Amino acid sequence: MNLSDQWDILSAARRTIPVPVTSLPARLGIGLKSAFLPAGISGMLERDRGSFLVTINALDPDTRQRFTLAHELGHYMLHRHLVGDGLDDDRAYRSTEAGKYHNTLIGPKEETEANKFAANLLMPREAIMRERDRLGDNVVEMARLFGVSEQAMSIRLGQPYS
């Protein structure tokens, strides 16, 4: 599948709220599994028989798993040329020595890009604006609607998280 087709799949997925993020890996031609990862590791992206595999920590709450998956998809779409054999992301979404891989090619710039990708995928600006008109600044309801944490929604709405 070419890159243009993959971006089309992502664009179409953003039209459904909550974004069906768990169906995206298969549609993009990559694997997805949930596993009990080492303490402090939220997710991994690794090469797998000519393709890629995303692994999400099964112990994390659903909203964190969704964001981690979106974050790893961000690495796949934006940084796959830097992945090498793989990368681990810790709880702060930083490549770490604590996991199976410590990828020094993925630095703070790439992690920030993957976080922004995840936020834009799970909380599309157009949908946020539409639902904000309807629900106001109700972070709890907005977070529930979009399937994200209240902290992620607070950040997206530009509000302090308490």
Protein backbone atom coordinates (compact mmCIF):
# COMPACT_ATOMS: atom_id res chain seq x y z
CA MET A 1 0.00 0.00 0.00
CA ASN A 2 1.39 3.40 -0.89
CA LEU A 3 1.72 6.36 1.46
CA SER A 4 -1.06 8.33 -0.22
CA ASP A 5 -3.54 5.49 0.37
CA GLN A 6 -2.47 5.32 4.01
CA TRP A 7 -3.10 9.07 4.50
CA ASP A 8 -6.54 8.64 2.88
CA ILE A 9 -7.38 5.90 5.39
CA LEU A 10 -6.36 8.14 8.29
CA SER A 11 -8.31 11.10 6.90
CA ALA A 12 -11.46 9.00 6.55
CA ALA A 13 -11.09 7.60 10.09
CA ARG A 14 -11.00 11.13 11.52
CA ARG A 15 -14.61 11.65 10.35
CA THR A 16 -15.92 9.19 12.97
CA ILE A 17 -15.97 10.15 16.64
CA PRO A 18 -14.54 8.45 18.54
CA VAL A 19 -11.93 7.70 15.90
CA PRO A 20 -11.80 3.91 15.41
CA VAL A 21 -8.06 3.85 16.10
CA THR A 22 -7.85 0.12 16.87
CA SER A 23 -8.99 -0.74 13.34
CA LEU A 24 -6.35 1.44 11.69
CA PRO A 25 -3.24 -0.77 11.93
CA ALA A 26 -4.82 -3.60 9.92
CA ARG A 27 -6.14 -1.12 7.37
CA LEU A 28 -2.64 0.42 7.07
CA GLY A 29 -1.03 -2.99 6.60
CA ILE A 30 0.66 -3.26 9.99
CA GLY A 31 0.13 -5.53 12.97
CA LEU A 32 -1.29 -4.71 16.39
CA LYS A 33 -1.08 -6.63 19.63
CA SER A 34 -1.69 -6.00 23.29
CA ALA A 35 0.87 -7.41 25.72
CA PHE A 36 2.14 -7.09 29.26
CA LEU A 37 5.11 -4.80 28.62
CA PRO A 38 7.84 -4.00 31.14
CA ALA A 39 6.94 -1.48 33.84
CA GLY A 40 6.96 2.03 32.46
CA ILE A 41 6.69 1.04 28.78
CA SER A 42 3.47 2.18 27.08
CA GLY A 43 4.09 0.96 23.56
CA MET A 44 6.47 -0.27 20.90
CA LEU A 45 6.81 -0.04 17.15
CA GLU A 46 9.01 -2.68 15.58
CA ARG A 47 9.78 -4.22 12.25
CA ASP A 48 8.02 -7.52 11.70
CA ARG A 49 8.70 -9.71 8.65
CA GLY A 50 8.92 -6.86 6.15
CA SER A 51 6.21 -4.79 7.80
CA PHE A 52 5.66 -3.23 11.22
CA LEU A 53 4.02 -4.26 14.48
CA VAL A 54 2.62 -1.97 17.18
CA THR A 55 2.46 -3.40 20.69
CA ILE A 56 0.40 -1.64 23.37
CA ASN A 57 0.72 -2.22 27.13
CA ALA A 58 -2.32 -4.27 28.17
CA LEU A 59 -2.10 -2.92 31.71
CA ASP A 60 -2.77 0.69 30.69
CA PRO A 61 -6.29 2.20 30.79
CA ASP A 62 -8.23 2.18 27.51
CA THR A 63 -7.78 5.91 26.93
CA ARG A 64 -4.01 5.59 27.35
CA GLN A 65 -3.92 2.56 25.05
CA ARG A 66 -5.79 4.57 22.39
CA PHE A 67 -3.37 7.49 22.69
CA THR A 68 -0.34 5.18 22.69
CA LEU A 69 -1.61 3.45 19.57
CA ALA A 70 -2.16 6.81 17.86
CA HIS A 71 1.34 7.91 19.00
CA GLU A 72 2.94 4.76 17.55
CA LEU A 73 0.98 5.26 14.31
CA GLY A 74 2.50 8.75 14.28
CA HIS A 75 5.97 7.23 14.41
CA TYR A 76 4.99 4.81 11.66
CA MET A 77 3.64 7.53 9.36
CA LEU A 78 6.28 10.18 10.10
CA HIS A 79 9.42 8.35 11.22
CA ARG A 80 9.41 4.82 9.85
CA HIS A 81 12.72 5.57 8.14
CA LEU A 82 14.24 6.07 11.63
CA VAL A 83 12.71 3.05 13.36
CA GLY A 84 15.48 0.56 12.53
CA ASP A 85 14.59 -2.67 14.33
CA GLY A 86 12.18 -0.87 16.62
CA LEU A 87 11.52 1.65 19.36
CA ASP A 88 9.98 1.66 22.82
CA ASP A 89 8.06 4.57 24.29
CA ASP A 90 7.90 5.07 28.03
CA ARG A 91 5.04 6.63 30.01
CA ALA A 92 6.25 10.10 28.97
CA TYR A 93 6.41 8.95 25.32
CA ARG A 94 10.19 9.00 25.12
CA SER A 95 12.41 6.32 23.62
CA THR A 96 13.91 4.53 26.59
CA GLU A 97 16.56 2.05 27.61
CA ALA A 98 14.05 0.26 29.86
CA GLY A 99 12.41 -1.68 27.03
CA LYS A 100 13.52 -3.99 24.26
CA TYR A 101 14.79 -1.17 22.04
CA HIS A 102 16.55 2.10 22.74
CA ASN A 103 16.40 4.02 19.50
CA THR A 104 18.69 7.05 19.65
CA LEU A 105 17.44 8.25 16.25
CA ILE A 106 14.07 9.07 17.82
CA GLY A 107 14.58 12.16 19.95
CA PRO A 108 12.43 14.85 21.57
CA LYS A 109 11.53 16.40 18.18
CA GLU A 110 10.17 13.10 16.83
CA GLU A 111 8.36 12.32 20.08
CA THR A 112 6.66 15.74 20.00
CA GLU A 113 5.66 15.15 16.38
CA ALA A 114 4.19 11.74 17.28
CA ASN A 115 2.26 13.29 20.19
CA LYS A 116 0.84 16.01 17.94
CA PHE A 117 -0.05 13.37 15.35
CA ALA A 118 -1.88 11.36 18.03
CA ALA A 119 -3.78 14.40 19.31
CA ASN A 120 -4.79 15.42 15.77
CA LEU A 121 -5.84 11.88 14.90
CA LEU A 122 -7.95 11.26 18.04
CA MET A 123 -9.25 14.81 18.47
CA PRO A 124 -9.64 16.33 14.99
CA ARG A 125 -9.83 20.12 15.18
CA GLU A 126 -13.05 20.32 13.13
CA ALA A 127 -14.82 17.80 15.37
CA ILE A 128 -13.51 19.50 18.51
CA MET A 129 -14.90 22.84 17.32
CA ARG A 130 -18.27 21.29 16.41
CA GLU A 131 -18.64 19.44 19.70
CA ARG A 132 -17.37 22.38 21.72
CA ASP A 133 -20.21 24.47 20.27
CA ARG A 134 -22.59 21.79 21.49
CA LEU A 135 -21.01 20.85 24.84
CA GLY A 136 -19.06 23.97 25.72
CA ASP A 137 -15.88 23.48 27.70
CA ASN A 138 -17.10 20.34 29.49
CA VAL A 139 -13.80 18.44 29.54
CA VAL A 140 -15.33 15.30 31.07
CA GLU A 141 -18.02 14.96 28.39
CA MET A 142 -15.67 15.90 25.57
CA ALA A 143 -13.09 13.35 26.76
CA ARG A 144 -15.75 10.64 27.00
CA LEU A 145 -17.07 11.45 23.51
CA PHE A 146 -13.62 11.33 21.89
CA GLY A 147 -12.37 8.34 23.90
CA VAL A 148 -9.39 10.18 25.37
CA SER A 149 -8.25 11.06 28.87
CA GLU A 150 -9.45 14.21 30.55
CA GLN A 151 -5.84 15.39 30.61
CA ALA A 152 -5.47 14.95 26.84
CA MET A 153 -8.76 16.78 26.23
CA SER A 154 -7.75 19.62 28.58
CA ILE A 155 -4.54 20.07 26.64
CA ARG A 156 -6.43 19.97 23.32
CA LEU A 157 -8.92 22.58 24.56
CA GLY A 158 -6.11 24.75 25.91
CA GLN A 159 -7.38 24.50 29.49
CA PRO A 160 -5.41 23.80 32.65
CA TYR A 161 -5.74 20.24 33.88
CA SER A 162 -6.56 19.89 37.55
